[in-house]
Amino acid sequence: MPVIFRHKSYRFFFFSNEGIPLEPCHIHVRKGGATAKFWLIPETRLAEAYDISSAELRELSRIVKQNQELIKRKWNEYFGL
């Protein structure tokens, strides 16, 4: 589970096995039992979230958008795309 970066107490990561066939580029976010998943393709948007407030989701969405190039680059490097 490669961790791409951390923000506050949140880990931004993807799983090393993201499905067969490989799912489109996305990022998982976790803090304790709270989780979220954001798609980056075709645009950055929330896929799902559990135990995270709306305010936190807005902040996380902003952080994902600010770091989307880093996330995409790390995704492509890791999966050899």
PDB file of N, CA and C in Angstrom:
ATOM      1  N   MET A   1       0.847  -1.166   0.000  1.00  0.00           N
ATOM      2  CA  MET A   1       0.000   0.000   0.000  1.00  0.00           C
ATOM      3  C   MET A   1       0.897   1.235   0.000  1.00  0.00           C
ATOM      4  N   PRO A   2       1.277   1.729  -1.185  1.00  0.00           N
ATOM      5  CA  PRO A   2       2.144   2.903  -1.245  1.00  0.00           C
ATOM      6  C   PRO A   2       1.444   4.174  -0.743  1.00  0.00           C
ATOM      7  N   VAL A   3       2.031   4.801   0.276  1.00  0.00           N
ATOM      8  CA  VAL A   3       1.527   6.088   0.776  1.00  0.00           C
ATOM      9  C   VAL A   3       2.184   7.172  -0.063  1.00  0.00           C
ATOM     10  N   ILE A   4       1.363   8.007  -0.696  1.00  0.00           N
ATOM     11  CA  ILE A   4       1.859   9.060  -1.569  1.00  0.00           C
ATOM     12  C   ILE A   4       2.256  10.286  -0.759  1.00  0.00           C
ATOM     13  N   PHE A   5       1.394  10.682   0.197  1.00  0.00           N
ATOM     14  CA  PHE A   5       1.720  11.788   1.090  1.00  0.00           C
ATOM     15  C   PHE A   5       0.754  11.759   2.264  1.00  0.00           C
ATOM     16  N   ARG A   6       1.043  12.603   3.233  1.00  0.00           N
ATOM     17  CA  ARG A   6       0.191  12.743   4.424  1.00  0.00           C
ATOM     18  C   ARG A   6      -0.206  14.209   4.552  1.00  0.00           C
ATOM     19  N   HIS A   7      -1.399  14.409   5.073  1.00  0.00           N
ATOM     20  CA  HIS A   7      -1.892  15.757   5.360  1.00  0.00           C
ATOM     21  C   HIS A   7      -2.622  15.671   6.687  1.00  0.00           C
ATOM     22  N   LYS A   8      -2.135  16.441   7.647  1.00  0.00           N
ATOM     23  CA  LYS A   8      -2.664  16.355   9.012  1.00  0.00           C
ATOM     24  C   LYS A   8      -2.579  14.891   9.437  1.00  0.00           C
ATOM     25  N   SER A   9      -3.671  14.287   9.848  1.00  0.00           N
ATOM     26  CA  SER A   9      -3.641  12.876  10.272  1.00  0.00           C
ATOM     27  C   SER A   9      -4.074  11.924   9.161  1.00  0.00           C
ATOM     28  N   TYR A  10      -4.268  12.431   7.950  1.00  0.00           N
ATOM     29  CA  TYR A  10      -4.746  11.617   6.833  1.00  0.00           C
ATOM     30  C   TYR A  10      -3.588  11.048   6.024  1.00  0.00           C
ATOM     31  N   ARG A  11      -3.731   9.783   5.602  1.00  0.00           N
ATOM     32  CA  ARG A  11      -2.799   9.150   4.674  1.00  0.00           C
ATOM     33  C   ARG A  11      -3.462   9.092   3.312  1.00  0.00           C
ATOM     34  N   PHE A  12      -2.755   9.489   2.281  1.00  0.00           N
ATOM     35  CA  PHE A  12      -3.230   9.445   0.897  1.00  0.00           C
ATOM     36  C   PHE A  12      -2.439   8.333   0.212  1.00  0.00           C
ATOM     37  N   PHE A  13      -3.128   7.302  -0.258  1.00  0.00           N
ATOM     38  CA  PHE A  13      -2.446   6.108  -0.744  1.00  0.00           C
ATOM     39  C   PHE A  13      -3.264   5.406  -1.816  1.00  0.00           C
ATOM     40  N   PHE A  14      -2.658   4.422  -2.455  1.00  0.00           N
ATOM     41  CA  PHE A  14      -3.405   3.492  -3.282  1.00  0.00           C
ATOM     42  C   PHE A  14      -2.955   2.087  -2.918  1.00  0.00           C
ATOM     43  N   PHE A  15      -3.772   1.118  -3.264  1.00  0.00           N
ATOM     44  CA  PHE A  15      -3.443  -0.273  -2.982  1.00  0.00           C
ATOM     45  C   PHE A  15      -2.553  -0.808  -4.094  1.00  0.00           C
ATOM     46  N   SER A  16      -1.654  -1.716  -3.756  1.00  0.00           N
ATOM     47  CA  SER A  16      -0.743  -2.254  -4.768  1.00  0.00           C
ATOM     48  C   SER A  16      -1.464  -3.144  -5.769  1.00  0.00           C
ATOM     49  N   ASN A  17      -2.643  -3.661  -5.413  1.00  0.00           N
ATOM     50  CA  ASN A  17      -3.451  -4.431  -6.359  1.00  0.00           C
ATOM     51  C   ASN A  17      -4.772  -3.699  -6.515  1.00  0.00           C
ATOM     52  N   GLU A  18      -4.869  -2.887  -7.527  1.00  0.00           N
ATOM     53  CA  GLU A  18      -6.059  -2.056  -7.730  1.00  0.00           C
ATOM     54  C   GLU A  18      -7.034  -2.672  -8.726  1.00  0.00           C
ATOM     55  N   GLY A  19      -7.102  -3.987  -8.758  1.00  0.00           N
ATOM     56  CA  GLY A  19      -8.093  -4.665  -9.579  1.00  0.00           C
ATOM     57  C   GLY A  19      -7.555  -5.120 -10.917  1.00  0.00           C
ATOM     58  N   ILE A  20      -8.204  -6.114 -11.455  1.00  0.00           N
ATOM     59  CA  ILE A  20      -7.881  -6.636 -12.794  1.00  0.00           C
ATOM     60  C   ILE A  20      -9.178  -6.631 -13.572  1.00  0.00           C
ATOM     61  N   PRO A  21      -9.325  -5.784 -14.590  1.00  0.00           N
ATOM     62  CA  PRO A  21      -8.299  -4.838 -15.050  1.00  0.00           C
ATOM     63  C   PRO A  21      -8.108  -3.704 -14.056  1.00  0.00           C
ATOM     64  N   LEU A  22      -6.987  -3.034 -14.188  1.00  0.00           N
ATOM     65  CA  LEU A  22      -6.637  -1.923 -13.310  1.00  0.00           C
ATOM     66  C   LEU A  22      -7.705  -0.837 -13.380  1.00  0.00           C
ATOM     67  N   GLU A  23      -8.171  -0.394 -12.204  1.00  0.00           N
ATOM     68  CA  GLU A  23      -9.147   0.701 -12.160  1.00  0.00           C
ATOM     69  C   GLU A  23      -8.487   1.999 -12.638  1.00  0.00           C
ATOM     70  N   PRO A  24      -9.282   2.977 -13.073  1.00  0.00           N
ATOM     71  CA  PRO A  24      -8.714   4.289 -13.431  1.00  0.00           C
ATOM     72  C   PRO A  24      -8.014   4.920 -12.213  1.00  0.00           C
ATOM     73  N   CYS A  25      -7.144   5.853 -12.478  1.00  0.00           N
ATOM     74  CA  CYS A  25      -6.362   6.508 -11.436  1.00  0.00           C
ATOM     75  C   CYS A  25      -7.276   7.084 -10.348  1.00  0.00           C
ATOM     76  N   HIS A  26      -6.949   6.762  -9.102  1.00  0.00           N
ATOM     77  CA  HIS A  26      -7.693   7.271  -7.953  1.00  0.00           C
ATOM     78  C   HIS A  26      -6.798   7.232  -6.728  1.00  0.00           C
ATOM     79  N   ILE A  27      -7.271   7.817  -5.653  1.00  0.00           N
ATOM     80  CA  ILE A  27      -6.516   7.858  -4.401  1.00  0.00           C
ATOM     81  C   ILE A  27      -7.455   7.525  -3.250  1.00  0.00           C
ATOM     82  N   HIS A  28      -6.949   6.754  -2.308  1.00  0.00           N
ATOM     83  CA  HIS A  28      -7.674   6.442  -1.085  1.00  0.00           C
ATOM     84  C   HIS A  28      -7.133   7.355   0.010  1.00  0.00           C
ATOM     85  N   VAL A  29      -8.007   7.719   0.944  1.00  0.00           N
ATOM     86  CA  VAL A  29      -7.616   8.573   2.059  1.00  0.00           C
ATOM     87  C   VAL A  29      -8.136   7.906   3.326  1.00  0.00           C
ATOM     88  N   ARG A  30      -7.277   7.836   4.339  1.00  0.00           N
ATOM     89  CA  ARG A  30      -7.695   7.177   5.582  1.00  0.00           C
ATOM     90  C   ARG A  30      -7.144   7.923   6.782  1.00  0.00           C
ATOM     91  N   LYS A  31      -7.994   7.977   7.802  1.00  0.00           N
ATOM     92  CA  LYS A  31      -7.615   8.497   9.120  1.00  0.00           C
ATOM     93  C   LYS A  31      -8.374   7.647  10.116  1.00  0.00           C
ATOM     94  N   GLY A  32      -7.680   6.747  10.797  1.00  0.00           N
ATOM     95  CA  GLY A  32      -8.347   5.816  11.690  1.00  0.00           C
ATOM     96  C   GLY A  32      -9.338   4.981  10.898  1.00  0.00           C
ATOM     97  N   GLY A  33     -10.600   4.955  11.326  1.00  0.00           N
ATOM     98  CA  GLY A  33     -11.635   4.206  10.625  1.00  0.00           C
ATOM     99  C   GLY A  33     -12.327   4.991   9.522  1.00  0.00           C
ATOM    100  N   ALA A  34     -12.007   6.267   9.399  1.00  0.00           N
ATOM    101  CA  ALA A  34     -12.613   7.116   8.369  1.00  0.00           C
ATOM    102  C   ALA A  34     -11.876   6.916   7.049  1.00  0.00           C
ATOM    103  N   THR A  35     -12.644   6.704   5.968  1.00  0.00           N
ATOM    104  CA  THR A  35     -12.026   6.476   4.665  1.00  0.00           C
ATOM    105  C   THR A  35     -12.769   7.238   3.574  1.00  0.00           C
ATOM    106  N   ALA A  36     -12.038   7.523   2.501  1.00  0.00           N
ATOM    107  CA  ALA A  36     -12.630   8.131   1.312  1.00  0.00           C
ATOM    108  C   ALA A  36     -11.834   7.661   0.101  1.00  0.00           C
ATOM    109  N   LYS A  37     -12.476   7.730  -1.054  1.00  0.00           N
ATOM    110  CA  LYS A  37     -11.835   7.389  -2.313  1.00  0.00           C
ATOM    111  C   LYS A  37     -12.213   8.477  -3.308  1.00  0.00           C
ATOM    112  N   PHE A  38     -11.189   9.000  -4.010  1.00  0.00           N
ATOM    113  CA  PHE A  38     -11.407  10.038  -5.006  1.00  0.00           C
ATOM    114  C   PHE A  38     -10.903   9.558  -6.355  1.00  0.00           C
ATOM    115  N   TRP A  39     -11.752   9.657  -7.378  1.00  0.00           N
ATOM    116  CA  TRP A  39     -11.323   9.411  -8.752  1.00  0.00           C
ATOM    117  C   TRP A  39     -10.550  10.626  -9.225  1.00  0.00           C
ATOM    118  N   LEU A  40      -9.545  10.433 -10.054  1.00  0.00           N
ATOM    119  CA  LEU A  40      -8.821  11.547 -10.661  1.00  0.00           C
ATOM    120  C   LEU A  40      -9.095  11.629 -12.151  1.00  0.00           C
ATOM    121  N   ILE A  41      -9.683  10.584 -12.709  1.00  0.00           N
ATOM    122  CA  ILE A  41      -9.971  10.539 -14.150  1.00  0.00           C
ATOM    123  C   ILE A  41     -11.437  10.187 -14.329  1.00  0.00           C
ATOM    124  N   PRO A  42     -12.231  10.878 -15.111  1.00  0.00           N
ATOM    125  CA  PRO A  42     -11.817  11.962 -16.015  1.00  0.00           C
ATOM    126  C   PRO A  42     -11.603  13.293 -15.299  1.00  0.00           C
ATOM    127  N   GLU A  43     -12.214  13.471 -14.103  1.00  0.00           N
ATOM    128  CA  GLU A  43     -11.931  14.652 -13.294  1.00  0.00           C
ATOM    129  C   GLU A  43     -11.923  14.230 -11.843  1.00  0.00           C
ATOM    130  N   THR A  44     -11.395  15.083 -10.988  1.00  0.00           N
ATOM    131  CA  THR A  44     -11.327  14.761  -9.569  1.00  0.00           C
ATOM    132  C   THR A  44     -12.725  14.839  -8.969  1.00  0.00           C
ATOM    133  N   ARG A  45     -13.158  13.715  -8.390  1.00  0.00           N
ATOM    134  CA  ARG A  45     -14.473  13.672  -7.740  1.00  0.00           C
ATOM    135  C   ARG A  45     -14.490  12.563  -6.705  1.00  0.00           C
ATOM    136  N   LEU A  46     -15.347  12.732  -5.731  1.00  0.00           N
ATOM    137  CA  LEU A  46     -15.491  11.755  -4.660  1.00  0.00           C
ATOM    138  C   LEU A  46     -16.165  10.507  -5.185  1.00  0.00           C
ATOM    139  N   ALA A  47     -15.586   9.346  -4.900  1.00  0.00           N
ATOM    140  CA  ALA A  47     -16.189   8.067  -5.273  1.00  0.00           C
ATOM    141  C   ALA A  47     -17.021   7.517  -4.117  1.00  0.00           C
ATOM    142  N   GLU A  48     -16.458   7.558  -2.916  1.00  0.00           N
ATOM    143  CA  GLU A  48     -17.170   7.060  -1.730  1.00  0.00           C
ATOM    144  C   GLU A  48     -16.479   7.590  -0.486  1.00  0.00           C
ATOM    145  N   ALA A  49     -17.214   7.595   0.623  1.00  0.00           N
ATOM    146  CA  ALA A  49     -16.649   8.050   1.894  1.00  0.00           C
ATOM    147  C   ALA A  49     -17.433   7.439   3.048  1.00  0.00           C
ATOM    148  N   TYR A  50     -16.725   7.176   4.128  1.00  0.00           N
ATOM    149  CA  TYR A  50     -17.328   6.608   5.328  1.00  0.00           C
ATOM    150  C   TYR A  50     -16.759   7.307   6.552  1.00  0.00           C
ATOM    151  N   ASP A  51     -17.649   7.752   7.426  1.00  0.00           N
ATOM    152  CA  ASP A  51     -17.275   8.366   8.709  1.00  0.00           C
ATOM    153  C   ASP A  51     -16.419   9.620   8.563  1.00  0.00           C
ATOM    154  N   ILE A  52     -16.674  10.413   7.510  1.00  0.00           N
ATOM    155  CA  ILE A  52     -15.976  11.685   7.319  1.00  0.00           C
ATOM    156  C   ILE A  52     -17.024  12.771   7.126  1.00  0.00           C
ATOM    157  N   SER A  53     -16.851  13.878   7.838  1.00  0.00           N
ATOM    158  CA  SER A  53     -17.828  14.973   7.748  1.00  0.00           C
ATOM    159  C   SER A  53     -17.746  15.670   6.400  1.00  0.00           C
ATOM    160  N   SER A  54     -18.781  16.406   6.067  1.00  0.00           N
ATOM    161  CA  SER A  54     -18.807  17.175   4.818  1.00  0.00           C
ATOM    162  C   SER A  54     -17.681  18.198   4.770  1.00  0.00           C
ATOM    163  N   ALA A  55     -17.409  18.836   5.883  1.00  0.00           N
ATOM    164  CA  ALA A  55     -16.330  19.824   5.923  1.00  0.00           C
ATOM    165  C   ALA A  55     -14.981  19.162   5.648  1.00  0.00           C
ATOM    166  N   GLU A  56     -14.755  18.000   6.251  1.00  0.00           N
ATOM    167  CA  GLU A  56     -13.505  17.281   5.999  1.00  0.00           C
ATOM    168  C   GLU A  56     -13.416  16.840   4.543  1.00  0.00           C
ATOM    169  N   LEU A  57     -14.526  16.389   3.974  1.00  0.00           N
ATOM    170  CA  LEU A  57     -14.520  15.963   2.566  1.00  0.00           C
ATOM    171  C   LEU A  57     -14.192  17.123   1.639  1.00  0.00           C
ATOM    172  N   ARG A  58     -14.699  18.306   1.938  1.00  0.00           N
ATOM    173  CA  ARG A  58     -14.364  19.477   1.126  1.00  0.00           C
ATOM    174  C   ARG A  58     -12.864  19.763   1.198  1.00  0.00           C
ATOM    175  N   GLU A  59     -12.305  19.688   2.401  1.00  0.00           N
ATOM    176  CA  GLU A  59     -10.871  19.917   2.564  1.00  0.00           C
ATOM    177  C   GLU A  59     -10.066  18.839   1.832  1.00  0.00           C
ATOM    178  N   LEU A  60     -10.457  17.583   1.986  1.00  0.00           N
ATOM    179  CA  LEU A  60      -9.741  16.496   1.319  1.00  0.00           C
ATOM    180  C   LEU A  60      -9.821  16.622  -0.195  1.00  0.00           C
ATOM    181  N   SER A  61     -10.971  17.000  -0.700  1.00  0.00           N
ATOM    182  CA  SER A  61     -11.126  17.197  -2.136  1.00  0.00           C
ATOM    183  C   SER A  61     -10.181  18.289  -2.626  1.00  0.00           C
ATOM    184  N   ARG A  62     -10.078  19.362  -1.876  1.00  0.00           N
ATOM    185  CA  ARG A  62      -9.167  20.455  -2.227  1.00  0.00           C
ATOM    186  C   ARG A  62      -7.718  19.964  -2.235  1.00  0.00           C
ATOM    187  N   ILE A  63      -7.345  19.165  -1.256  1.00  0.00           N
ATOM    188  CA  ILE A  63      -5.976  18.640  -1.154  1.00  0.00           C
ATOM    189  C   ILE A  63      -5.688  17.699  -2.322  1.00  0.00           C
ATOM    190  N   VAL A  64      -6.657  16.846  -2.666  1.00  0.00           N
ATOM    191  CA  VAL A  64      -6.472  15.934  -3.799  1.00  0.00           C
ATOM    192  C   VAL A  64      -6.284  16.738  -5.083  1.00  0.00           C
ATOM    193  N   LYS A  65      -7.114  17.755  -5.291  1.00  0.00           N
ATOM    194  CA  LYS A  65      -6.990  18.577  -6.502  1.00  0.00           C
ATOM    195  C   LYS A  65      -5.638  19.277  -6.565  1.00  0.00           C
ATOM    196  N   GLN A  66      -5.169  19.777  -5.423  1.00  0.00           N
ATOM    197  CA  GLN A  66      -3.872  20.459  -5.391  1.00  0.00           C
ATOM    198  C   GLN A  66      -2.720  19.510  -5.700  1.00  0.00           C
ATOM    199  N   ASN A  67      -2.891  18.234  -5.398  1.00  0.00           N
ATOM    200  CA  ASN A  67      -1.826  17.251  -5.560  1.00  0.00           C
ATOM    201  C   ASN A  67      -2.095  16.248  -6.671  1.00  0.00           C
ATOM    202  N   GLN A  68      -3.040  16.538  -7.557  1.00  0.00           N
ATOM    203  CA  GLN A  68      -3.427  15.561  -8.567  1.00  0.00           C
ATOM    204  C   GLN A  68      -2.285  15.182  -9.502  1.00  0.00           C
ATOM    205  N   GLU A  69      -1.412  16.112  -9.851  1.00  0.00           N
ATOM    206  CA  GLU A  69      -0.293  15.776 -10.743  1.00  0.00           C
ATOM    207  C   GLU A  69       0.677  14.819 -10.057  1.00  0.00           C
ATOM    208  N   LEU A  70       0.964  15.059  -8.784  1.00  0.00           N
ATOM    209  CA  LEU A  70       1.812  14.155  -8.006  1.00  0.00           C
ATOM    210  C   LEU A  70       1.181  12.767  -7.931  1.00  0.00           C
ATOM    211  N   ILE A  71      -0.107  12.710  -7.626  1.00  0.00           N
ATOM    212  CA  ILE A  71      -0.807  11.427  -7.499  1.00  0.00           C
ATOM    213  C   ILE A  71      -0.767  10.673  -8.822  1.00  0.00           C
ATOM    214  N   LYS A  72      -1.083  11.360  -9.914  1.00  0.00           N
ATOM    215  CA  LYS A  72      -1.077  10.713 -11.230  1.00  0.00           C
ATOM    216  C   LYS A  72       0.317  10.209 -11.591  1.00  0.00           C
ATOM    217  N   ARG A  73       1.339  11.021 -11.306  1.00  0.00           N
ATOM    218  CA  ARG A  73       2.709  10.612 -11.620  1.00  0.00           C
ATOM    219  C   ARG A  73       3.103   9.368 -10.826  1.00  0.00           C
ATOM    220  N   LYS A  74       2.806   9.354  -9.519  1.00  0.00           N
ATOM    221  CA  LYS A  74       3.134   8.201  -8.674  1.00  0.00           C
ATOM    222  C   LYS A  74       2.348   6.958  -9.109  1.00  0.00           C
ATOM    223  N   TRP A  75       1.099   7.147  -9.487  1.00  0.00           N
ATOM    224  CA  TRP A  75       0.261   6.045  -9.968  1.00  0.00           C
ATOM    225  C   TRP A  75       0.898   5.426 -11.223  1.00  0.00           C
ATOM    226  N   ASN A  76       1.231   6.272 -12.185  1.00  0.00           N
ATOM    227  CA  ASN A  76       1.814   5.794 -13.450  1.00  0.00           C
ATOM    228  C   ASN A  76       3.174   5.131 -13.228  1.00  0.00           C
ATOM    229  N   GLU A  77       3.989   5.691 -12.334  1.00  0.00           N
ATOM    230  CA  GLU A  77       5.289   5.076 -12.024  1.00  0.00           C
ATOM    231  C   GLU A  77       5.093   3.705 -11.399  1.00  0.00           C
ATOM    232  N   TYR A  78       4.191   3.618 -10.413  1.00  0.00           N
ATOM    233  CA  TYR A  78       4.014   2.377  -9.681  1.00  0.00           C
ATOM    234  C   TYR A  78       3.459   1.267 -10.582  1.00  0.00           C
ATOM    235  N   PHE A  79       2.474   1.616 -11.403  1.00  0.00           N
ATOM    236  CA  PHE A  79       1.825   0.602 -12.239  1.00  0.00           C
ATOM    237  C   PHE A  79       2.458   0.481 -13.623  1.00  0.00           C
ATOM    238  N   GLY A  80       3.549   1.212 -13.869  1.00  0.00           N
ATOM    239  CA  GLY A  80       4.278   1.096 -15.119  1.00  0.00           C
ATOM    240  C   GLY A  80       3.504   1.560 -16.331  1.00  0.00           C
ATOM    241  N   LEU A  81       2.743   2.641 -16.167  1.00  0.00           N
ATOM    242  CA  LEU A  81       1.934   3.172 -17.272  1.00  0.00           C
ATOM    243  C   LEU A  81       2.604   4.342 -17.945  1.00  0.00           C
TER     244      LEU A  81
END
